[in-house]
Amino acid sequence: MPMELTTTFHALKEWAVAINALESGKTIMLLRKGGIHERNGHFQVAHKQILLYPTYEHQQAFMLKAEYANNVYPVTSGWHPETVRIGSWAEITDILPVSDESIVNSLVESMGDIIPRTSQLNLGV
């Protein structure tokens, strides 16, 4: 089915190292732990097609495989680049909650390289 061209001004903030892995084809998905802004522990999106906005401040090298951790450079809190390159967009096709660590381990083994170490994920429901 042909992709429909869309204009969007909505973005998902994500670690720059993760966006680079998506852009280079080293991974095909994002696995998110959840955050303080998520209602009832569920990741929700208002827009299915989004720009991928790279962030640098909160990247955690210790949560990544060594080959990716080497691409994370510490920045001062509050630092922002003078310009931000937004070179890609994504379409959110599925949001699947995972609460079983064995499923996460299977994803790590089969789906991509950039997934954080499972010991760092909070898998509570």
Protein backbone atom coordinates (compact mmCIF):
# COMPACT_ATOMS: atom_id res chain seq x y z
CA MET A 1 0.00 0.00 0.00
CA PRO A 2 1.52 3.37 -0.98
CA MET A 3 2.44 5.74 1.83
CA GLU A 4 0.39 8.93 1.98
CA LEU A 5 2.48 12.09 2.21
CA THR A 6 1.78 14.07 5.35
CA THR A 7 2.94 17.33 6.86
CA THR A 8 3.46 17.26 10.61
CA PHE A 9 4.77 19.60 13.23
CA HIS A 10 4.71 17.00 16.01
CA ALA A 11 7.80 15.27 17.31
CA LEU A 12 8.86 12.53 19.68
CA LYS A 13 11.89 13.42 21.79
CA GLU A 14 14.26 10.47 21.89
CA TRP A 15 17.93 9.90 22.66
CA ALA A 16 20.06 10.90 19.67
CA VAL A 17 21.89 7.55 19.78
CA ALA A 18 18.55 5.69 19.42
CA ILE A 19 17.46 7.88 16.50
CA ASN A 20 20.79 7.22 14.80
CA ALA A 21 20.24 3.46 15.17
CA LEU A 22 16.79 3.80 13.58
CA GLU A 23 18.10 5.97 10.74
CA SER A 24 20.95 3.58 9.98
CA GLY A 25 18.69 0.50 10.05
CA LYS A 26 20.38 -1.08 13.07
CA THR A 27 17.04 -1.27 14.86
CA ILE A 28 13.43 -1.05 13.75
CA MET A 29 11.64 -0.17 16.97
CA LEU A 30 11.81 1.79 20.18
CA LEU A 31 11.34 0.14 23.53
CA ARG A 32 10.29 2.70 26.11
CA LYS A 33 10.36 2.21 29.86
CA GLY A 34 7.61 4.67 30.59
CA GLY A 35 7.79 8.03 32.17
CA ILE A 36 6.29 10.45 34.62
CA HIS A 37 4.01 12.01 32.01
CA GLU A 38 2.34 8.76 31.01
CA ARG A 39 -1.17 8.31 32.34
CA ASN A 40 -1.82 5.08 34.22
CA GLY A 41 1.50 3.68 32.97
CA HIS A 42 0.36 3.68 29.34
CA PHE A 43 2.25 5.33 26.51
CA GLN A 44 -0.22 7.31 24.45
CA VAL A 45 0.30 9.41 21.37
CA ALA A 46 -1.89 12.13 19.93
CA HIS A 47 -0.31 11.80 16.49
CA LYS A 48 0.74 8.59 14.73
CA GLN A 49 3.17 10.28 12.32
CA ILE A 50 5.90 12.17 14.11
CA LEU A 51 9.30 13.70 13.56
CA LEU A 52 12.17 12.17 15.54
CA TYR A 53 13.67 14.95 17.67
CA PRO A 54 17.14 14.00 18.99
CA THR A 55 17.96 14.77 22.63
CA TYR A 56 21.34 14.60 24.31
CA GLU A 57 21.06 15.63 27.95
CA HIS A 58 19.56 12.47 29.46
CA GLN A 59 21.30 9.79 27.38
CA GLN A 60 22.65 7.08 29.69
CA ALA A 61 25.62 5.20 28.26
CA PHE A 62 25.44 2.52 30.98
CA MET A 63 21.99 1.49 29.72
CA LEU A 64 23.26 0.67 26.22
CA LYS A 65 25.33 -2.04 24.64
CA ALA A 66 29.00 -1.07 24.54
CA GLU A 67 29.08 -0.37 20.81
CA TYR A 68 26.37 2.28 21.27
CA ALA A 69 27.49 3.54 24.66
CA ASN A 70 30.68 4.76 22.98
CA ASN A 71 28.54 7.16 20.90
CA VAL A 72 27.11 8.92 23.95
CA TYR A 73 29.00 11.99 25.09
CA PRO A 74 28.17 13.73 28.37
CA VAL A 75 26.69 17.21 28.07
CA THR A 76 26.15 19.84 30.73
CA SER A 77 22.67 19.95 32.23
CA GLY A 78 20.59 22.44 30.28
CA TRP A 79 22.91 22.32 27.24
CA HIS A 80 21.23 22.53 23.87
CA PRO A 81 22.88 22.56 20.44
CA GLU A 82 22.64 25.76 18.41
CA THR A 83 20.75 23.86 15.72
CA VAL A 84 18.91 20.56 15.79
CA ARG A 85 18.99 18.30 12.75
CA ILE A 86 15.71 16.47 12.31
CA GLY A 87 16.46 14.01 9.56
CA SER A 88 13.75 11.44 9.96
CA TRP A 89 10.18 10.76 10.86
CA ALA A 90 8.32 7.71 12.07
CA GLU A 91 4.89 6.23 11.99
CA ILE A 92 3.73 4.67 15.23
CA THR A 93 2.01 1.47 14.19
CA ASP A 94 1.68 -0.39 17.48
CA ILE A 95 1.94 0.29 21.19
CA LEU A 96 2.37 -2.98 23.03
CA PRO A 97 2.74 -3.06 26.83
CA VAL A 98 5.33 -5.56 28.06
CA SER A 99 5.54 -6.58 31.71
CA ASP A 100 7.43 -9.88 31.38
CA GLU A 101 11.22 -9.68 31.37
CA SER A 102 11.52 -12.84 29.24
CA ILE A 103 9.68 -11.05 26.42
CA VAL A 104 12.09 -8.13 26.67
CA ASN A 105 15.02 -10.56 26.56
CA SER A 106 13.60 -12.13 23.38
CA LEU A 107 13.25 -8.70 21.80
CA VAL A 108 16.84 -7.86 22.72
CA GLU A 109 18.06 -11.06 21.06
CA SER A 110 16.03 -10.80 17.88
CA MET A 111 14.93 -7.25 17.06
CA GLY A 112 17.68 -4.73 17.48
CA ASP A 113 20.86 -3.50 19.00
CA ILE A 114 19.88 -0.33 20.81
CA ILE A 115 17.52 -1.74 23.42
CA PRO A 116 18.67 -0.90 26.97
CA ARG A 117 19.92 -3.62 29.25
CA THR A 118 16.91 -5.39 30.70
CA SER A 119 18.20 -4.93 34.24
CA GLN A 120 17.59 -1.21 33.78
CA LEU A 121 13.95 -1.59 32.73
CA ASN A 122 11.13 -1.25 35.22
CA LEU A 123 8.79 -4.01 34.11
CA GLY A 124 6.18 -3.47 36.80
CA VAL A 125 2.59 -3.34 35.64
